[in-house]
C-alpha cells in the first residue's frame, strides 16, 4: 500500500465494524496531530496576537461570564 488509491481501495472493503474502528483511530490520530500543531504554534508565538486581543477585550468589558 504505497499510494492513496491503494489505501482507499482497502478502506472501501472494510466491514461496518472495521470501518467504525478505523474512524475512531482516525479521529484520535487527528486529535493528537491537532494538539501537536497547536502546541508548536503557541510556542512559536503564533497565537500571541489572539491572546492579547482576548485580554484587551476582557479588560475593556467586552466579555460575558459563562
C-alpha atoms as a PDB file:
ATOM      1  CA  UNK A   1       0.000   0.000   0.000  1.00  0.00           C
ATOM      2  CA  UNK A   2       2.176   2.786  -1.214  1.00  0.00           C
ATOM      3  CA  UNK A   3      -0.436   5.124  -2.656  1.00  0.00           C
ATOM      4  CA  UNK A   4      -3.583   6.859  -1.546  1.00  0.00           C
ATOM      5  CA  UNK A   5      -5.571   4.943  -4.164  1.00  0.00           C
ATOM      6  CA  UNK A   6      -4.387   1.646  -2.643  1.00  0.00           C
ATOM      7  CA  UNK A   7      -5.407   2.811   0.812  1.00  0.00           C
ATOM      8  CA  UNK A   8      -8.808   3.956  -0.452  1.00  0.00           C
ATOM      9  CA  UNK A   9      -9.432   0.545  -2.030  1.00  0.00           C
ATOM     10  CA  UNK A  10      -8.642  -1.227   1.230  1.00  0.00           C
ATOM     11  CA  UNK A  11     -10.845   1.137   3.239  1.00  0.00           C
ATOM     12  CA  UNK A  12     -13.748   0.546   0.860  1.00  0.00           C
ATOM     13  CA  UNK A  13     -13.515  -3.174   1.622  1.00  0.00           C
ATOM     14  CA  UNK A  14     -13.807  -2.788   5.392  1.00  0.00           C
ATOM     15  CA  UNK A  15     -16.802  -4.254   7.159  1.00  0.00           C
ATOM     16  CA  UNK A  16     -19.035  -1.825   9.063  1.00  0.00           C
ATOM     17  CA  UNK A  17     -17.387  -2.849  12.357  1.00  0.00           C
ATOM     18  CA  UNK A  18     -13.909  -2.426  10.904  1.00  0.00           C
ATOM     19  CA  UNK A  19     -14.917   0.937   9.457  1.00  0.00           C
ATOM     20  CA  UNK A  20     -16.039   2.110  12.892  1.00  0.00           C
ATOM     21  CA  UNK A  21     -12.704   1.069  14.393  1.00  0.00           C
ATOM     22  CA  UNK A  22     -10.910   2.878  11.570  1.00  0.00           C
ATOM     23  CA  UNK A  23     -12.964   6.042  12.116  1.00  0.00           C
ATOM     24  CA  UNK A  24     -12.180   6.017  15.833  1.00  0.00           C
ATOM     25  CA  UNK A  25      -8.473   5.543  15.106  1.00  0.00           C
ATOM     26  CA  UNK A  26      -8.540   8.338  12.529  1.00  0.00           C
ATOM     27  CA  UNK A  27     -10.286  10.796  14.848  1.00  0.00           C
ATOM     28  CA  UNK A  28      -7.866  10.010  17.688  1.00  0.00           C
ATOM     29  CA  UNK A  29      -4.864  10.393  15.378  1.00  0.00           C
ATOM     30  CA  UNK A  30      -6.166  13.718  14.070  1.00  0.00           C
ATOM     31  CA  UNK A  31      -6.680  14.984  17.635  1.00  0.00           C
ATOM     32  CA  UNK A  32      -3.087  14.133  18.542  1.00  0.00           C
ATOM     33  CA  UNK A  33      -1.815  15.925  15.421  1.00  0.00           C
ATOM     34  CA  UNK A  34      -4.005  18.961  16.134  1.00  0.00           C
ATOM     35  CA  UNK A  35      -2.640  19.135  19.691  1.00  0.00           C
ATOM     36  CA  UNK A  36       0.944  18.959  18.402  1.00  0.00           C
ATOM     37  CA  UNK A  37       0.315  21.725  15.879  1.00  0.00           C
ATOM     38  CA  UNK A  38      -1.431  23.906  18.461  1.00  0.00           C
ATOM     39  CA  UNK A  39       1.454  23.483  20.913  1.00  0.00           C
ATOM     40  CA  UNK A  40       4.000  24.279  18.191  1.00  0.00           C
ATOM     41  CA  UNK A  41       2.058  27.371  17.118  1.00  0.00           C
ATOM     42  CA  UNK A  42       1.762  28.556  20.728  1.00  0.00           C
ATOM     43  CA  UNK A  43       5.481  28.016  21.359  1.00  0.00           C
ATOM     44  CA  UNK A  44       6.302  29.936  18.171  1.00  0.00           C
ATOM     45  CA  UNK A  45       4.185  32.889  19.301  1.00  0.00           C
ATOM     46  CA  UNK A  46       1.639  32.498  16.506  1.00  0.00           C
ATOM     47  CA  UNK A  47      -1.231  32.806  18.987  1.00  0.00           C
ATOM     48  CA  UNK A  48       0.106  35.813  20.884  1.00  0.00           C
ATOM     49  CA  UNK A  49      -1.940  38.343  18.911  1.00  0.00           C
ATOM     50  CA  UNK A  50      -5.133  36.416  19.659  1.00  0.00           C
ATOM     51  CA  UNK A  51      -4.274  36.161  23.350  1.00  0.00           C
ATOM     52  CA  UNK A  52      -3.525  39.876  23.534  1.00  0.00           C
ATOM     53  CA  UNK A  53      -6.830  40.674  21.838  1.00  0.00           C
ATOM     54  CA  UNK A  54      -8.749  38.449  24.268  1.00  0.00           C
ATOM     55  CA  UNK A  55      -7.042  40.040  27.275  1.00  0.00           C
ATOM     56  CA  UNK A  56      -7.763  43.525  25.919  1.00  0.00           C
ATOM     57  CA  UNK A  57     -11.433  42.631  25.294  1.00  0.00           C
ATOM     58  CA  UNK A  58     -11.710  41.304  28.849  1.00  0.00           C
ATOM     59  CA  UNK A  59     -10.133  44.415  30.367  1.00  0.00           C
ATOM     60  CA  UNK A  60     -12.423  46.653  28.315  1.00  0.00           C
ATOM     61  CA  UNK A  61     -15.530  44.753  29.440  1.00  0.00           C
ATOM     62  CA  UNK A  62     -16.359  43.164  26.105  1.00  0.00           C
ATOM     63  CA  UNK A  63     -16.657  39.664  27.553  1.00  0.00           C
ATOM     64  CA  UNK A  64     -19.518  37.753  29.086  1.00  0.00           C
ATOM     65  CA  UNK A  65     -19.158  35.428  32.051  1.00  0.00           C
ATOM     66  CA  UNK A  66     -20.065  31.857  31.249  1.00  0.00           C
END
